[in-house]
Structures are given as C-alpha cells and as structure tokens.
Amino acid sequence: MVIQYSGGKIIVTPFEIVVKENSTSMVTMQASSDAVTLIGNGANVITANTGEVKWSIKLDSQHQLQEVAQQIGCEIR
C-alpha cells in the first residue's frame, strides 16, 4: 500500500515500511515492521529504532497513521 503525505510517500507492507521524501536530497528510510512504533494522540508519528539506526517522521493526519497500523498489524500508542 502507498500512502501519500505532504513530505512524500510511505510504502507499507506487512513486513516493512519505506519512506521516500520529496526533497532534493531524495531521502529514503526503511525499517522492518518489528522495529516500528506508531504514536497517536495528535502526534501522528512513525518511529523506527533498530538499535544503531533511529528515525521518526510526522504524518499529516491520524487517518494516515491508522492506515499504516492496519497494514503492519501494529497498535497505535
């Protein structure tokens, strides 16, 4: 599933998340679904922590976060 947001797009499968930024530097971030935490309550943030690599991204809406949660089978905190 591809989810568009103001900064680019998020490609979500049951096993991983790939974030592709629409910037001149063409940043791409990837994480397995096991390493992802979804933060709701108005924050609408995806965080990934694999020990040595950490990243987070703020989404535009709660709906986008819910779509990610449904695809990877993860609860929103």
PDB file of N, CA and C in Angstrom:
ATOM      1  N   MET A   1       0.840  -1.171   0.000  1.00  0.00           N
ATOM      2  CA  MET A   1       0.000   0.000   0.000  1.00  0.00           C
ATOM      3  C   MET A   1       0.886   1.236   0.000  1.00  0.00           C
ATOM      4  N   VAL A   2       0.497   2.238  -0.769  1.00  0.00           N
ATOM      5  CA  VAL A   2       1.226   3.507  -0.816  1.00  0.00           C
ATOM      6  C   VAL A   2       0.350   4.586  -0.184  1.00  0.00           C
ATOM      7  N   ILE A   3       0.913   5.303   0.776  1.00  0.00           N
ATOM      8  CA  ILE A   3       0.218   6.388   1.456  1.00  0.00           C
ATOM      9  C   ILE A   3       0.959   7.680   1.149  1.00  0.00           C
ATOM     10  N   GLN A   4       0.272   8.615   0.537  1.00  0.00           N
ATOM     11  CA  GLN A   4       0.861   9.919   0.243  1.00  0.00           C
ATOM     12  C   GLN A   4       0.733  10.825   1.461  1.00  0.00           C
ATOM     13  N   TYR A   5       1.757  11.620   1.734  1.00  0.00           N
ATOM     14  CA  TYR A   5       1.676  12.654   2.765  1.00  0.00           C
ATOM     15  C   TYR A   5       2.448  13.868   2.256  1.00  0.00           C
ATOM     16  N   SER A   6       2.358  14.960   2.971  1.00  0.00           N
ATOM     17  CA  SER A   6       2.896  16.224   2.453  1.00  0.00           C
ATOM     18  C   SER A   6       4.395  16.176   2.174  1.00  0.00           C
ATOM     19  N   GLY A   7       5.135  15.315   2.849  1.00  0.00           N
ATOM     20  CA  GLY A   7       6.576  15.233   2.650  1.00  0.00           C
ATOM     21  C   GLY A   7       7.032  14.205   1.639  1.00  0.00           C
ATOM     22  N   GLY A   8       6.095  13.397   1.132  1.00  0.00           N
ATOM     23  CA  GLY A   8       6.478  12.355   0.190  1.00  0.00           C
ATOM     24  C   GLY A   8       5.483  11.219   0.198  1.00  0.00           C
ATOM     25  N   LYS A   9       6.010   9.982   0.261  1.00  0.00           N
ATOM     26  CA  LYS A   9       5.121   8.827   0.295  1.00  0.00           C
ATOM     27  C   LYS A   9       5.688   7.750   1.200  1.00  0.00           C
ATOM     28  N   ILE A  10       4.766   6.917   1.700  1.00  0.00           N
ATOM     29  CA  ILE A  10       5.124   5.813   2.572  1.00  0.00           C
ATOM     30  C   ILE A  10       4.636   4.538   1.898  1.00  0.00           C
ATOM     31  N   ILE A  11       5.529   3.604   1.711  1.00  0.00           N
ATOM     32  CA  ILE A  11       5.187   2.311   1.133  1.00  0.00           C
ATOM     33  C   ILE A  11       5.160   1.317   2.285  1.00  0.00           C
ATOM     34  N   VAL A  12       3.990   0.705   2.496  1.00  0.00           N
ATOM     35  CA  VAL A  12       3.791  -0.162   3.655  1.00  0.00           C
ATOM     36  C   VAL A  12       3.414  -1.571   3.209  1.00  0.00           C
ATOM     37  N   THR A  13       4.113  -2.555   3.754  1.00  0.00           N
ATOM     38  CA  THR A  13       3.734  -3.959   3.586  1.00  0.00           C
ATOM     39  C   THR A  13       3.611  -4.540   4.998  1.00  0.00           C
ATOM     40  N   PRO A  14       3.105  -5.743   5.139  1.00  0.00           N
ATOM     41  CA  PRO A  14       3.036  -6.339   6.480  1.00  0.00           C
ATOM     42  C   PRO A  14       4.412  -6.542   7.129  1.00  0.00           C
ATOM     43  N   PHE A  15       5.480  -6.450   6.346  1.00  0.00           N
ATOM     44  CA  PHE A  15       6.820  -6.746   6.859  1.00  0.00           C
ATOM     45  C   PHE A  15       7.733  -5.538   6.985  1.00  0.00           C
ATOM     46  N   GLU A  16       7.445  -4.444   6.253  1.00  0.00           N
ATOM     47  CA  GLU A  16       8.342  -3.292   6.300  1.00  0.00           C
ATOM     48  C   GLU A  16       7.635  -1.999   5.922  1.00  0.00           C
ATOM     49  N   ILE A  17       8.297  -0.899   6.269  1.00  0.00           N
ATOM     50  CA  ILE A  17       7.857   0.444   5.896  1.00  0.00           C
ATOM     51  C   ILE A  17       9.015   1.117   5.180  1.00  0.00           C
ATOM     52  N   VAL A  18       8.726   1.748   4.054  1.00  0.00           N
ATOM     53  CA  VAL A  18       9.720   2.543   3.327  1.00  0.00           C
ATOM     54  C   VAL A  18       9.148   3.945   3.179  1.00  0.00           C
ATOM     55  N   VAL A  19       9.912   4.942   3.604  1.00  0.00           N
ATOM     56  CA  VAL A  19       9.508   6.341   3.497  1.00  0.00           C
ATOM     57  C   VAL A  19      10.396   7.001   2.459  1.00  0.00           C
ATOM     58  N   LYS A  20       9.772   7.611   1.462  1.00  0.00           N
ATOM     59  CA  LYS A  20      10.518   8.329   0.423  1.00  0.00           C
ATOM     60  C   LYS A  20      10.121   9.797   0.486  1.00  0.00           C
ATOM     61  N   GLU A  21      11.088  10.635   0.822  1.00  0.00           N
ATOM     62  CA  GLU A  21      10.862  12.070   0.943  1.00  0.00           C
ATOM     63  C   GLU A  21      10.902  12.749  -0.427  1.00  0.00           C
ATOM     64  N   ASN A  22      10.032  13.728  -0.607  1.00  0.00           N
ATOM     65  CA  ASN A  22      10.042  14.555  -1.820  1.00  0.00           C
ATOM     66  C   ASN A  22      10.939  15.761  -1.584  1.00  0.00           C
ATOM     67  N   SER A  23      12.214  15.544  -1.548  1.00  0.00           N
ATOM     68  CA  SER A  23      13.166  16.633  -1.344  1.00  0.00           C
ATOM     69  C   SER A  23      14.287  16.501  -2.370  1.00  0.00           C
ATOM     70  N   THR A  24      15.072  17.542  -2.482  1.00  0.00           N
ATOM     71  CA  THR A  24      16.172  17.498  -3.443  1.00  0.00           C
ATOM     72  C   THR A  24      17.225  16.459  -3.056  1.00  0.00           C
ATOM     73  N   SER A  25      17.303  16.131  -1.769  1.00  0.00           N
ATOM     74  CA  SER A  25      18.281  15.127  -1.339  1.00  0.00           C
ATOM     75  C   SER A  25      17.753  13.697  -1.487  1.00  0.00           C
ATOM     76  N   MET A  26      16.473  13.536  -1.811  1.00  0.00           N
ATOM     77  CA  MET A  26      15.865  12.229  -2.093  1.00  0.00           C
ATOM     78  C   MET A  26      16.123  11.212  -0.978  1.00  0.00           C
ATOM     79  N   VAL A  27      15.781  11.572   0.242  1.00  0.00           N
ATOM     80  CA  VAL A  27      15.973  10.708   1.402  1.00  0.00           C
ATOM     81  C   VAL A  27      15.013   9.516   1.337  1.00  0.00           C
ATOM     82  N   THR A  28      15.535   8.328   1.616  1.00  0.00           N
ATOM     83  CA  THR A  28      14.726   7.120   1.734  1.00  0.00           C
ATOM     84  C   THR A  28      15.076   6.459   3.057  1.00  0.00           C
ATOM     85  N   MET A  29      14.028   6.128   3.846  1.00  0.00           N
ATOM     86  CA  MET A  29      14.226   5.456   5.127  1.00  0.00           C
ATOM     87  C   MET A  29      13.429   4.160   5.100  1.00  0.00           C
ATOM     88  N   GLN A  30      13.997   3.112   5.660  1.00  0.00           N
ATOM     89  CA  GLN A  30      13.352   1.805   5.634  1.00  0.00           C
ATOM     90  C   GLN A  30      13.487   1.160   7.003  1.00  0.00           C
ATOM     91  N   ALA A  31      12.454   0.408   7.404  1.00  0.00           N
ATOM     92  CA  ALA A  31      12.513  -0.325   8.667  1.00  0.00           C
ATOM     93  C   ALA A  31      11.598  -1.533   8.588  1.00  0.00           C
ATOM     94  N   SER A  32      11.976  -2.586   9.292  1.00  0.00           N
ATOM     95  CA  SER A  32      11.076  -3.740   9.386  1.00  0.00           C
ATOM     96  C   SER A  32       9.923  -3.350  10.309  1.00  0.00           C
ATOM     97  N   SER A  33       8.786  -3.974  10.113  1.00  0.00           N
ATOM     98  CA  SER A  33       7.612  -3.622  10.913  1.00  0.00           C
ATOM     99  C   SER A  33       7.830  -3.900  12.401  1.00  0.00           C
ATOM    100  N   ASP A  34       8.712  -4.834  12.733  1.00  0.00           N
ATOM    101  CA  ASP A  34       9.018  -5.136  14.134  1.00  0.00           C
ATOM    102  C   ASP A  34       9.748  -3.993  14.834  1.00  0.00           C
ATOM    103  N   ALA A  35      10.415  -3.138  14.087  1.00  0.00           N
ATOM    104  CA  ALA A  35      11.199  -2.050  14.659  1.00  0.00           C
ATOM    105  C   ALA A  35      10.427  -0.737  14.722  1.00  0.00           C
ATOM    106  N   VAL A  36       9.141  -0.760  14.343  1.00  0.00           N
ATOM    107  CA  VAL A  36       8.353   0.465  14.213  1.00  0.00           C
ATOM    108  C   VAL A  36       7.422   0.650  15.407  1.00  0.00           C
ATOM    109  N   THR A  37       7.325   1.902  15.861  1.00  0.00           N
ATOM    110  CA  THR A  37       6.354   2.307  16.874  1.00  0.00           C
ATOM    111  C   THR A  37       5.500   3.411  16.277  1.00  0.00           C
ATOM    112  N   LEU A  38       4.194   3.329  16.475  1.00  0.00           N
ATOM    113  CA  LEU A  38       3.269   4.339  15.978  1.00  0.00           C
ATOM    114  C   LEU A  38       2.735   5.136  17.165  1.00  0.00           C
ATOM    115  N   ILE A  39       2.888   6.446  17.104  1.00  0.00           N
ATOM    116  CA  ILE A  39       2.483   7.321  18.201  1.00  0.00           C
ATOM    117  C   ILE A  39       1.320   8.186  17.733  1.00  0.00           C
ATOM    118  N   GLY A  40       0.172   8.048  18.409  1.00  0.00           N
ATOM    119  CA  GLY A  40      -1.029   8.789  18.053  1.00  0.00           C
ATOM    120  C   GLY A  40      -1.256   9.974  18.974  1.00  0.00           C
ATOM    121  N   ASN A  41      -2.498  10.153  19.426  1.00  0.00           N
ATOM    122  CA  ASN A  41      -2.897  11.253  20.313  1.00  0.00           C
ATOM    123  C   ASN A  41      -2.527  12.615  19.754  1.00  0.00           C
ATOM    124  N   GLY A  42      -2.722  12.790  18.460  1.00  0.00           N
ATOM    125  CA  GLY A  42      -2.433  14.067  17.823  1.00  0.00           C
ATOM    126  C   GLY A  42      -1.014  14.217  17.317  1.00  0.00           C
ATOM    127  N   ALA A  43      -0.099  13.371  17.782  1.00  0.00           N
ATOM    128  CA  ALA A  43       1.294  13.457  17.327  1.00  0.00           C
ATOM    129  C   ALA A  43       1.432  12.896  15.916  1.00  0.00           C
ATOM    130  N   ASN A  44       0.777  11.760  15.650  1.00  0.00           N
ATOM    131  CA  ASN A  44       0.794  11.117  14.334  1.00  0.00           C
ATOM    132  C   ASN A  44       2.213  10.876  13.825  1.00  0.00           C
ATOM    133  N   VAL A  45       2.994  10.142  14.607  1.00  0.00           N
ATOM    134  CA  VAL A  45       4.414   9.935  14.317  1.00  0.00           C
ATOM    135  C   VAL A  45       4.712   8.448  14.150  1.00  0.00           C
ATOM    136  N   ILE A  46       5.525   8.149  13.152  1.00  0.00           N
ATOM    137  CA  ILE A  46       6.102   6.818  12.992  1.00  0.00           C
ATOM    138  C   ILE A  46       7.546   6.920  13.462  1.00  0.00           C
ATOM    139  N   THR A  47       7.938   6.036  14.367  1.00  0.00           N
ATOM    140  CA  THR A  47       9.338   5.986  14.789  1.00  0.00           C
ATOM    141  C   THR A  47       9.889   4.603  14.492  1.00  0.00           C
ATOM    142  N   ALA A  48      11.162   4.553  14.169  1.00  0.00           N
ATOM    143  CA  ALA A  48      11.848   3.287  13.942  1.00  0.00           C
ATOM    144  C   ALA A  48      13.124   3.288  14.770  1.00  0.00           C
ATOM    145  N   ASN A  49      13.338   2.200  15.491  1.00  0.00           N
ATOM    146  CA  ASN A  49      14.530   2.082  16.327  1.00  0.00           C
ATOM    147  C   ASN A  49      15.055   0.666  16.193  1.00  0.00           C
ATOM    148  N   THR A  50      16.142   0.541  15.474  1.00  0.00           N
ATOM    149  CA  THR A  50      16.753  -0.775  15.293  1.00  0.00           C
ATOM    150  C   THR A  50      18.049  -0.903  16.073  1.00  0.00           C
ATOM    151  N   GLY A  51      18.224  -0.048  17.073  1.00  0.00           N
ATOM    152  CA  GLY A  51      19.431  -0.098  17.883  1.00  0.00           C
ATOM    153  C   GLY A  51      20.456   0.903  17.406  1.00  0.00           C
ATOM    154  N   GLU A  52      21.029   0.668  16.250  1.00  0.00           N
ATOM    155  CA  GLU A  52      22.049   1.563  15.729  1.00  0.00           C
ATOM    156  C   GLU A  52      21.469   2.679  14.863  1.00  0.00           C
ATOM    157  N   VAL A  53      20.270   2.457  14.345  1.00  0.00           N
ATOM    158  CA  VAL A  53      19.646   3.454  13.471  1.00  0.00           C
ATOM    159  C   VAL A  53      18.300   3.836  14.059  1.00  0.00           C
ATOM    160  N   LYS A  54      18.058   5.147  14.169  1.00  0.00           N
ATOM    161  CA  LYS A  54      16.786   5.652  14.678  1.00  0.00           C
ATOM    162  C   LYS A  54      16.299   6.752  13.744  1.00  0.00           C
ATOM    163  N   TRP A  55      14.993   6.743  13.465  1.00  0.00           N
ATOM    164  CA  TRP A  55      14.400   7.825  12.699  1.00  0.00           C
ATOM    165  C   TRP A  55      12.940   7.958  13.074  1.00  0.00           C
ATOM    166  N   SER A  56      12.381   9.118  12.781  1.00  0.00           N
ATOM    167  CA  SER A  56      10.956   9.347  13.020  1.00  0.00           C
ATOM    168  C   SER A  56      10.442  10.307  11.961  1.00  0.00           C
ATOM    169  N   ILE A  57       9.144  10.222  11.728  1.00  0.00           N
ATOM    170  CA  ILE A  57       8.513  11.084  10.737  1.00  0.00           C
ATOM    171  C   ILE A  57       7.102  11.414  11.198  1.00  0.00           C
ATOM    172  N   LYS A  58       6.710  12.673  11.037  1.00  0.00           N
ATOM    173  CA  LYS A  58       5.382  13.127  11.416  1.00  0.00           C
ATOM    174  C   LYS A  58       4.470  13.084  10.198  1.00  0.00           C
ATOM    175  N   LEU A  59       3.323  12.430  10.358  1.00  0.00           N
ATOM    176  CA  LEU A  59       2.347  12.347   9.277  1.00  0.00           C
ATOM    177  C   LEU A  59       1.365  13.514   9.367  1.00  0.00           C
ATOM    178  N   ASP A  60       0.559  13.664   8.331  1.00  0.00           N
ATOM    179  CA  ASP A  60      -0.377  14.775   8.260  1.00  0.00           C
ATOM    180  C   ASP A  60      -1.638  14.550   9.078  1.00  0.00           C
ATOM    181  N   SER A  61      -2.036  13.281   9.273  1.00  0.00           N
ATOM    182  CA  SER A  61      -3.312  13.031   9.934  1.00  0.00           C
ATOM    183  C   SER A  61      -3.317  11.696  10.675  1.00  0.00           C
ATOM    184  N   GLN A  62      -4.271  11.570  11.572  1.00  0.00           N
ATOM    185  CA  GLN A  62      -4.485  10.317  12.306  1.00  0.00           C
ATOM    186  C   GLN A  62      -4.904   9.208  11.344  1.00  0.00           C
ATOM    187  N   HIS A  63      -5.647   9.570  10.315  1.00  0.00           N
ATOM    188  CA  HIS A  63      -6.104   8.588   9.326  1.00  0.00           C
ATOM    189  C   HIS A  63      -4.918   7.897   8.648  1.00  0.00           C
ATOM    190  N   GLN A  64      -3.894   8.646   8.296  1.00  0.00           N
ATOM    191  CA  GLN A  64      -2.701   8.058   7.681  1.00  0.00           C
ATOM    192  C   GLN A  64      -2.033   7.073   8.642  1.00  0.00           C
ATOM    193  N   LEU A  65      -1.958   7.458   9.907  1.00  0.00           N
ATOM    194  CA  LEU A  65      -1.347   6.588  10.915  1.00  0.00           C
ATOM    195  C   LEU A  65      -2.163   5.302  11.085  1.00  0.00           C
ATOM    196  N   GLN A  66      -3.477   5.416  11.035  1.00  0.00           N
ATOM    197  CA  GLN A  66      -4.342   4.247  11.134  1.00  0.00           C
ATOM    198  C   GLN A  66      -4.159   3.308   9.946  1.00  0.00           C
ATOM    199  N   GLU A  67      -3.963   3.868   8.758  1.00  0.00           N
ATOM    200  CA  GLU A  67      -3.709   3.031   7.582  1.00  0.00           C
ATOM    201  C   GLU A  67      -2.415   2.238   7.746  1.00  0.00           C
ATOM    202  N   VAL A  68      -1.376   2.886   8.244  1.00  0.00           N
ATOM    203  CA  VAL A  68      -0.108   2.201   8.493  1.00  0.00           C
ATOM    204  C   VAL A  68      -0.320   1.085   9.515  1.00  0.00           C
ATOM    205  N   ALA A  69      -1.018   1.393  10.607  1.00  0.00           N
ATOM    206  CA  ALA A  69      -1.261   0.409  11.664  1.00  0.00           C
ATOM    207  C   ALA A  69      -1.992  -0.820  11.126  1.00  0.00           C
ATOM    208  N   GLN A  70      -2.967  -0.611  10.274  1.00  0.00           N
ATOM    209  CA  GLN A  70      -3.710  -1.731   9.712  1.00  0.00           C
ATOM    210  C   GLN A  70      -2.833  -2.604   8.823  1.00  0.00           C
ATOM    211  N   GLN A  71      -1.964  -1.988   8.058  1.00  0.00           N
ATOM    212  CA  GLN A  71      -1.117  -2.749   7.136  1.00  0.00           C
ATOM    213  C   GLN A  71      -0.059  -3.584   7.853  1.00  0.00           C
ATOM    214  N   ILE A  72       0.548  -3.025   8.900  1.00  0.00           N
ATOM    215  CA  ILE A  72       1.625  -3.766   9.593  1.00  0.00           C
ATOM    216  C   ILE A  72       1.131  -4.522  10.806  1.00  0.00           C
ATOM    217  N   GLY A  73      -0.132  -4.336  11.182  1.00  0.00           N
ATOM    218  CA  GLY A  73      -0.673  -5.054  12.334  1.00  0.00           C
ATOM    219  C   GLY A  73      -0.089  -4.596  13.646  1.00  0.00           C
ATOM    220  N   CYS A  74       0.060  -3.284  13.786  1.00  0.00           N
ATOM    221  CA  CYS A  74       0.680  -2.694  14.977  1.00  0.00           C
ATOM    222  C   CYS A  74      -0.321  -1.761  15.646  1.00  0.00           C
ATOM    223  N   GLU A  75      -0.324  -1.732  16.974  1.00  0.00           N
ATOM    224  CA  GLU A  75      -1.203  -0.825  17.702  1.00  0.00           C
ATOM    225  C   GLU A  75      -0.617   0.576  17.733  1.00  0.00           C
ATOM    226  N   ILE A  76      -1.505   1.569  17.781  1.00  0.00           N
ATOM    227  CA  ILE A  76      -1.089   2.958  17.945  1.00  0.00           C
ATOM    228  C   ILE A  76      -1.034   3.265  19.414  1.00  0.00           C
ATOM    229  N   ARG A  77       0.069   3.843  19.845  1.00  0.00           N
ATOM    230  CA  ARG A  77       0.238   4.195  21.275  1.00  0.00           C
ATOM    231  C   ARG A  77      -0.286   5.573  21.547  1.00  0.00           C
TER     232      ARG A  77
END
